[in-house]
C-alpha atoms as a PDB file:
ATOM      1  CA  MET A   1       0.000   0.000   0.000  1.00  0.00           C
ATOM      2  CA  LEU A   2       2.877   2.394   0.770  1.00  0.00           C
ATOM      3  CA  ILE A   3       4.360   1.808  -2.680  1.00  0.00           C
ATOM      4  CA  PHE A   4       0.975   2.520  -4.266  1.00  0.00           C
ATOM      5  CA  LYS A   5       0.654   5.842  -2.374  1.00  0.00           C
ATOM      6  CA  PHE A   6       4.196   6.787  -3.337  1.00  0.00           C
ATOM      7  CA  LEU A   7       3.448   6.023  -6.967  1.00  0.00           C
ATOM      8  CA  ILE A   8       0.257   8.130  -6.893  1.00  0.00           C
ATOM      9  CA  VAL A   9       2.048  11.093  -5.295  1.00  0.00           C
ATOM     10  CA  THR A  10       4.916  10.842  -7.793  1.00  0.00           C
ATOM     11  CA  LEU A  11       2.527  10.772 -10.732  1.00  0.00           C
ATOM     12  CA  LEU A  12       0.576  13.755  -9.397  1.00  0.00           C
ATOM     13  CA  VAL A  13       3.780  15.776  -8.971  1.00  0.00           C
ATOM     14  CA  LEU A  14       4.972  14.890 -12.469  1.00  0.00           C
ATOM     15  CA  TYR A  15       1.562  15.656 -13.956  1.00  0.00           C
ATOM     16  CA  SER A  16       1.296  19.033 -12.221  1.00  0.00           C
ATOM     17  CA  THR A  17       4.787  19.963 -13.426  1.00  0.00           C
ATOM     18  CA  TRP A  18       3.849  18.977 -16.965  1.00  0.00           C
ATOM     19  CA  CYS A  19       0.564  20.923 -16.837  1.00  0.00           C
ATOM     20  CA  HIS A  20       2.111  24.159 -15.581  1.00  0.00           C
ATOM     21  CA  ALA A  21       5.264  24.112 -17.670  1.00  0.00           C
ATOM     22  CA  HIS A  22       4.991  25.410 -21.185  1.00  0.00           C
ATOM     23  CA  PRO A  23       7.685  26.205 -23.675  1.00  0.00           C
ATOM     24  CA  PRO A  24       8.812  29.812 -23.878  1.00  0.00           C
ATOM     25  CA  GLY A  25       7.748  31.773 -26.915  1.00  0.00           C
ATOM     26  CA  LEU A  26       9.661  32.024 -30.154  1.00  0.00           C
ATOM     27  CA  SER A  27       9.323  34.857 -32.621  1.00  0.00           C
ATOM     28  CA  SER A  28      11.295  35.772 -35.710  1.00  0.00           C
ATOM     29  CA  LEU A  29      12.866  38.916 -37.081  1.00  0.00           C
ATOM     30  CA  ASP A  30      13.783  38.962 -40.779  1.00  0.00           C
ATOM     31  CA  VAL A  31      15.859  41.870 -42.067  1.00  0.00           C
ATOM     32  CA  SER A  32      16.433  42.155 -45.829  1.00  0.00           C
ATOM     33  CA  LEU A  33      18.838  44.637 -47.359  1.00  0.00           C
ATOM     34  CA  THR A  34      17.902  45.888 -50.815  1.00  0.00           C
ATOM     35  CA  ASP A  35      19.636  48.368 -53.100  1.00  0.00           C
ATOM     36  CA  THR A  36      17.565  51.261 -51.754  1.00  0.00           C
ATOM     37  CA  GLN A  37      16.066  50.259 -48.402  1.00  0.00           C
ATOM     38  CA  ILE A  38      15.881  47.828 -45.505  1.00  0.00           C
ATOM     39  CA  ASP A  39      12.776  45.669 -45.171  1.00  0.00           C
ATOM     40  CA  VAL A  40      11.984  44.231 -41.751  1.00  0.00           C
ATOM     41  CA  LYS A  41       9.370  41.602 -40.870  1.00  0.00           C
ATOM     42  CA  VAL A  42       8.640  40.690 -37.256  1.00  0.00           C
ATOM     43  CA  THR A  43       6.555  37.533 -36.727  1.00  0.00           C
ATOM     44  CA  PHE A  44       5.139  36.513 -33.356  1.00  0.00           C
ATOM     45  CA  ALA A  45       2.264  34.544 -31.853  1.00  0.00           C
ATOM     46  CA  LEU A  46      -0.827  36.591 -31.089  1.00  0.00           C
ATOM     47  CA  GLN A  47      -0.810  35.312 -27.511  1.00  0.00           C
ATOM     48  CA  ASP A  48       2.594  36.951 -27.034  1.00  0.00           C
ATOM     49  CA  ILE A  49       1.216  40.398 -27.770  1.00  0.00           C
ATOM     50  CA  GLU A  50      -2.245  40.045 -26.246  1.00  0.00           C
ATOM     51  CA  ALA A  51      -1.050  41.316 -22.848  1.00  0.00           C
ATOM     52  CA  PHE A  52       0.285  44.547 -24.380  1.00  0.00           C
ATOM     53  CA  SER A  53      -2.252  45.135 -27.113  1.00  0.00           C
ATOM     54  CA  PRO A  54      -5.518  43.395 -26.178  1.00  0.00           C
ATOM     55  CA  MET A  55      -7.651  42.434 -29.139  1.00  0.00           C
ATOM     56  CA  ASP A  56     -10.707  40.894 -27.481  1.00  0.00           C
ATOM     57  CA  SER A  57     -12.549  44.195 -27.030  1.00  0.00           C
ATOM     58  CA  ASP A  58     -15.915  42.638 -26.133  1.00  0.00           C
ATOM     59  CA  LEU A  59     -14.284  40.205 -23.635  1.00  0.00           C
ATOM     60  CA  ASP A  60     -16.083  37.156 -25.003  1.00  0.00           C
ATOM     61  CA  ALA A  61     -12.839  35.087 -25.084  1.00  0.00           C
ATOM     62  CA  GLU A  62     -12.947  35.027 -28.886  1.00  0.00           C
ATOM     63  CA  VAL A  63     -11.053  37.406 -31.156  1.00  0.00           C
ATOM     64  CA  SER A  64     -13.168  38.128 -34.208  1.00  0.00           C
ATOM     65  CA  ASP A  65     -11.860  39.287 -37.576  1.00  0.00           C
ATOM     66  CA  ALA A  66     -13.233  42.763 -36.831  1.00  0.00           C
ATOM     67  CA  GLU A  67     -11.373  42.857 -33.499  1.00  0.00           C
ATOM     68  CA  ARG A  68      -8.146  41.810 -35.223  1.00  0.00           C
ATOM     69  CA  GLU A  69      -8.565  44.567 -37.794  1.00  0.00           C
ATOM     70  CA  ALA A  70      -9.265  47.116 -35.069  1.00  0.00           C
ATOM     71  CA  ALA A  71      -6.099  46.062 -33.180  1.00  0.00           C
ATOM     72  CA  LYS A  72      -3.741  46.522 -36.152  1.00  0.00           C
ATOM     73  CA  PRO A  73      -2.863  50.201 -35.501  1.00  0.00           C
ATOM     74  CA  ALA A  74      -2.062  49.513 -31.826  1.00  0.00           C
ATOM     75  CA  ILE A  75       0.112  46.513 -32.732  1.00  0.00           C
ATOM     76  CA  ALA A  76       1.970  48.511 -35.405  1.00  0.00           C
ATOM     77  CA  LYS A  77       2.522  51.384 -32.963  1.00  0.00           C
ATOM     78  CA  LEU A  78       3.794  49.072 -30.231  1.00  0.00           C
ATOM     79  CA  MET A  79       6.227  47.330 -32.554  1.00  0.00           C
ATOM     80  CA  ALA A  80       7.483  50.646 -33.988  1.00  0.00           C
ATOM     81  CA  GLU A  81       8.182  51.865 -30.453  1.00  0.00           C
ATOM     82  CA  GLN A  82       9.933  48.638 -29.448  1.00  0.00           C
ATOM     83  CA  PHE A  83      12.141  48.129 -32.480  1.00  0.00           C
ATOM     84  CA  ASP A  84      15.230  50.191 -33.356  1.00  0.00           C
ATOM     85  CA  ILE A  85      17.363  50.331 -36.496  1.00  0.00           C
ATOM     86  CA  VAL A  86      20.659  52.225 -36.483  1.00  0.00           C
ATOM     87  CA  ILE A  87      22.420  52.689 -39.821  1.00  0.00           C
ATOM     88  CA  ASP A  88      26.037  53.853 -39.775  1.00  0.00           C
ATOM     89  CA  ASN A  89      25.572  55.146 -36.192  1.00  0.00           C
ATOM     90  CA  GLN A  90      22.413  57.108 -37.106  1.00  0.00           C
ATOM     91  CA  PRO A  91      19.028  56.015 -35.703  1.00  0.00           C
ATOM     92  CA  VAL A  92      16.406  55.797 -38.454  1.00  0.00           C
ATOM     93  CA  LYS A  93      12.643  55.616 -38.377  1.00  0.00           C
ATOM     94  CA  PRO A  94      10.542  53.548 -40.762  1.00  0.00           C
ATOM     95  CA  ALA A  95       9.606  55.252 -44.033  1.00  0.00           C
ATOM     96  CA  VAL A  96       6.298  53.404 -43.897  1.00  0.00           C
ATOM     97  CA  SER A  97       4.491  52.671 -40.631  1.00  0.00           C
ATOM     98  CA  GLY A  98       4.101  49.026 -39.741  1.00  0.00           C
ATOM     99  CA  LEU A  99       1.822  46.934 -41.916  1.00  0.00           C
ATOM    100  CA  VAL A 100       0.159  44.252 -39.781  1.00  0.00           C
ATOM    101  CA  THR A 101      -1.116  40.959 -41.210  1.00  0.00           C
ATOM    102  CA  PHE A 102      -2.301  37.725 -39.599  1.00  0.00           C
ATOM    103  CA  ASP A 103      -1.819  34.162 -40.762  1.00  0.00           C
ATOM    104  CA  VAL A 104      -3.861  30.991 -40.254  1.00  0.00           C
ATOM    105  CA  GLN A 105      -1.460  29.760 -37.560  1.00  0.00           C
ATOM    106  CA  ASN A 106      -2.461  32.586 -35.190  1.00  0.00           C
ATOM    107  CA  ASN A 107       0.654  34.647 -35.853  1.00  0.00           C
ATOM    108  CA  ALA A 108       0.962  38.324 -36.586  1.00  0.00           C
ATOM    109  CA  GLN A 109       3.499  39.792 -38.980  1.00  0.00           C
ATOM    110  CA  VAL A 110       4.497  43.420 -38.814  1.00  0.00           C
ATOM    111  CA  THR A 111       6.551  44.790 -41.708  1.00  0.00           C
ATOM    112  CA  PHE A 112       8.519  48.025 -41.828  1.00  0.00           C
ATOM    113  CA  SER A 113      10.627  49.638 -44.542  1.00  0.00           C
ATOM    114  CA  TYR A 114      13.531  51.971 -43.878  1.00  0.00           C
ATOM    115  CA  ALA A 115      14.621  54.280 -46.706  1.00  0.00           C
ATOM    116  CA  ALA A 116      18.352  53.892 -46.124  1.00  0.00           C
ATOM    117  CA  VAL A 117      21.029  51.273 -46.704  1.00  0.00           C
ATOM    118  CA  PRO A 118      24.043  50.799 -44.443  1.00  0.00           C
ATOM    119  CA  GLN A 119      27.482  51.434 -45.883  1.00  0.00           C
ATOM    120  CA  LYS A 120      29.456  50.505 -42.766  1.00  0.00           C
ATOM    121  CA  GLN A 121      27.247  49.096 -40.034  1.00  0.00           C
ATOM    122  CA  LEU A 122      23.716  47.973 -39.260  1.00  0.00           C
ATOM    123  CA  GLN A 123      22.419  47.672 -35.700  1.00  0.00           C
ATOM    124  CA  VAL A 124      19.138  45.935 -34.970  1.00  0.00           C
ATOM    125  CA  GLN A 125      17.585  46.131 -31.519  1.00  0.00           C
ATOM    126  CA  SER A 126      14.400  44.318 -30.531  1.00  0.00           C
ATOM    127  CA  ASN A 127      13.336  45.897 -27.235  1.00  0.00           C
ATOM    128  CA  PHE A 128      10.015  44.038 -27.468  1.00  0.00           C
ATOM    129  CA  LEU A 129      11.773  41.023 -25.966  1.00  0.00           C
ATOM    130  CA  SER A 130      12.136  42.792 -22.623  1.00  0.00           C
ATOM    131  CA  LEU A 131       8.332  42.913 -22.338  1.00  0.00           C
ATOM    132  CA  LEU A 132       7.904  39.164 -22.810  1.00  0.00           C
ATOM    133  CA  PRO A 133       8.286  36.356 -20.259  1.00  0.00           C
ATOM    134  CA  ASP A 134      11.726  35.020 -19.451  1.00  0.00           C
ATOM    135  CA  GLY A 135      12.827  32.426 -21.944  1.00  0.00           C
ATOM    136  CA  HIS A 136      11.172  34.014 -24.977  1.00  0.00           C
ATOM    137  CA  GLN A 137      13.580  34.077 -27.898  1.00  0.00           C
ATOM    138  CA  GLN A 138      13.609  35.754 -31.277  1.00  0.00           C
ATOM    139  CA  TYR A 139      15.420  34.310 -34.268  1.00  0.00           C
ATOM    140  CA  LEU A 140      17.079  37.084 -36.276  1.00  0.00           C
ATOM    141  CA  THR A 141      18.126  36.664 -39.907  1.00  0.00           C
ATOM    142  CA  ILE A 142      19.799  39.429 -41.902  1.00  0.00           C
ATOM    143  CA  ARG A 143      19.899  38.864 -45.672  1.00  0.00           C
ATOM    144  CA  ALA A 144      21.810  40.569 -48.472  1.00  0.00           C
ATOM    145  CA  VAL A 145      20.243  41.872 -51.683  1.00  0.00           C
ATOM    146  CA  ASP A 146      20.896  38.523 -53.374  1.00  0.00           C
ATOM    147  CA  GLY A 147      19.264  36.570 -50.534  1.00  0.00           C
ATOM    148  CA  ARG A 148      22.495  35.381 -48.904  1.00  0.00           C
ATOM    149  CA  VAL A 149      22.325  35.134 -45.145  1.00  0.00           C
ATOM    150  CA  LEU A 150      24.700  37.703 -43.675  1.00  0.00           C
ATOM    151  CA  GLN A 151      23.932  37.011 -40.043  1.00  0.00           C
ATOM    152  CA  GLU A 152      21.787  34.723 -37.933  1.00  0.00           C
ATOM    153  CA  LYS A 153      21.408  35.170 -34.210  1.00  0.00           C
ATOM    154  CA  MET A 154      19.104  34.099 -31.408  1.00  0.00           C
ATOM    155  CA  LEU A 155      18.006  37.136 -29.431  1.00  0.00           C
ATOM    156  CA  GLY A 156      16.604  37.025 -25.916  1.00  0.00           C
ATOM    157  CA  LYS A 157      15.663  39.223 -22.982  1.00  0.00           C
ATOM    158  CA  GLN A 158      19.304  39.690 -21.978  1.00  0.00           C
ATOM    159  CA  ASN A 159      20.561  39.973 -25.568  1.00  0.00           C
ATOM    160  CA  VAL A 160      18.262  42.198 -27.645  1.00  0.00           C
ATOM    161  CA  GLN A 161      20.773  43.574 -30.149  1.00  0.00           C
ATOM    162  CA  ALA A 162      22.720  42.443 -33.192  1.00  0.00           C
ATOM    163  CA  VAL A 163      25.405  44.388 -35.031  1.00  0.00           C
ATOM    164  CA  LEU A 164      26.451  43.688 -38.612  1.00  0.00           C
ATOM    165  CA  ASP A 165      29.658  45.311 -39.851  1.00  0.00           C
ATOM    166  CA  ILE A 166      29.131  45.751 -43.586  1.00  0.00           C
ATOM    167  CA  SER A 167      32.737  46.721 -44.377  1.00  0.00           C
ATOM    168  CA  GLU A 168      34.065  43.544 -42.720  1.00  0.00           C
ATOM    169  CA  ARG A 169      31.442  41.433 -44.534  1.00  0.00           C
ATOM    170  CA  GLU A 170      32.399  42.910 -47.925  1.00  0.00           C
ATOM    171  CA  ALA A 171      36.098  42.239 -47.193  1.00  0.00           C
ATOM    172  CA  ASP A 172      35.261  38.609 -46.343  1.00  0.00           C
ATOM    173  CA  ASP A 173      33.194  38.245 -49.544  1.00  0.00           C
ATOM    174  CA  ALA A 174      36.026  39.683 -51.672  1.00  0.00           C
ATOM    175  CA  SER A 175      38.558  37.095 -50.449  1.00  0.00           C
END
């Protein structure tokens, strides 16, 4: 009987740990350099942003298409405030405010375009990560005009920035 009670208690502890533990979030940040601008796309799960930009305005526990549409300006504003691009040591603002779209997998994508191209250095900072729970990560990819990956990096709450030295990259490509 003692072994049976021990087994029950062990199973309950393991089950409660499994029920309360959930994987941290993962979002992505895609930066594409073109000849004339930088295009940025941030993708994240809607549940990650719900705490900062609530969409369920009628509080019925369902987010309708109309509620999603109504939330787009707030999501774009939040992401614009939480995302920084520095080109050749000069902070730049998006030429076009964030365009928000949703996919069938319950993700939101916010795209920005910056009307400048780095000659020496590109800095990308995703301050949004500091608002999210510990463990959330963001996969950053920076691509060249031809689609080559120039840098890949996993960002997190303690590491929200990536720096790409263009002059060093061009020297590496030339050799």
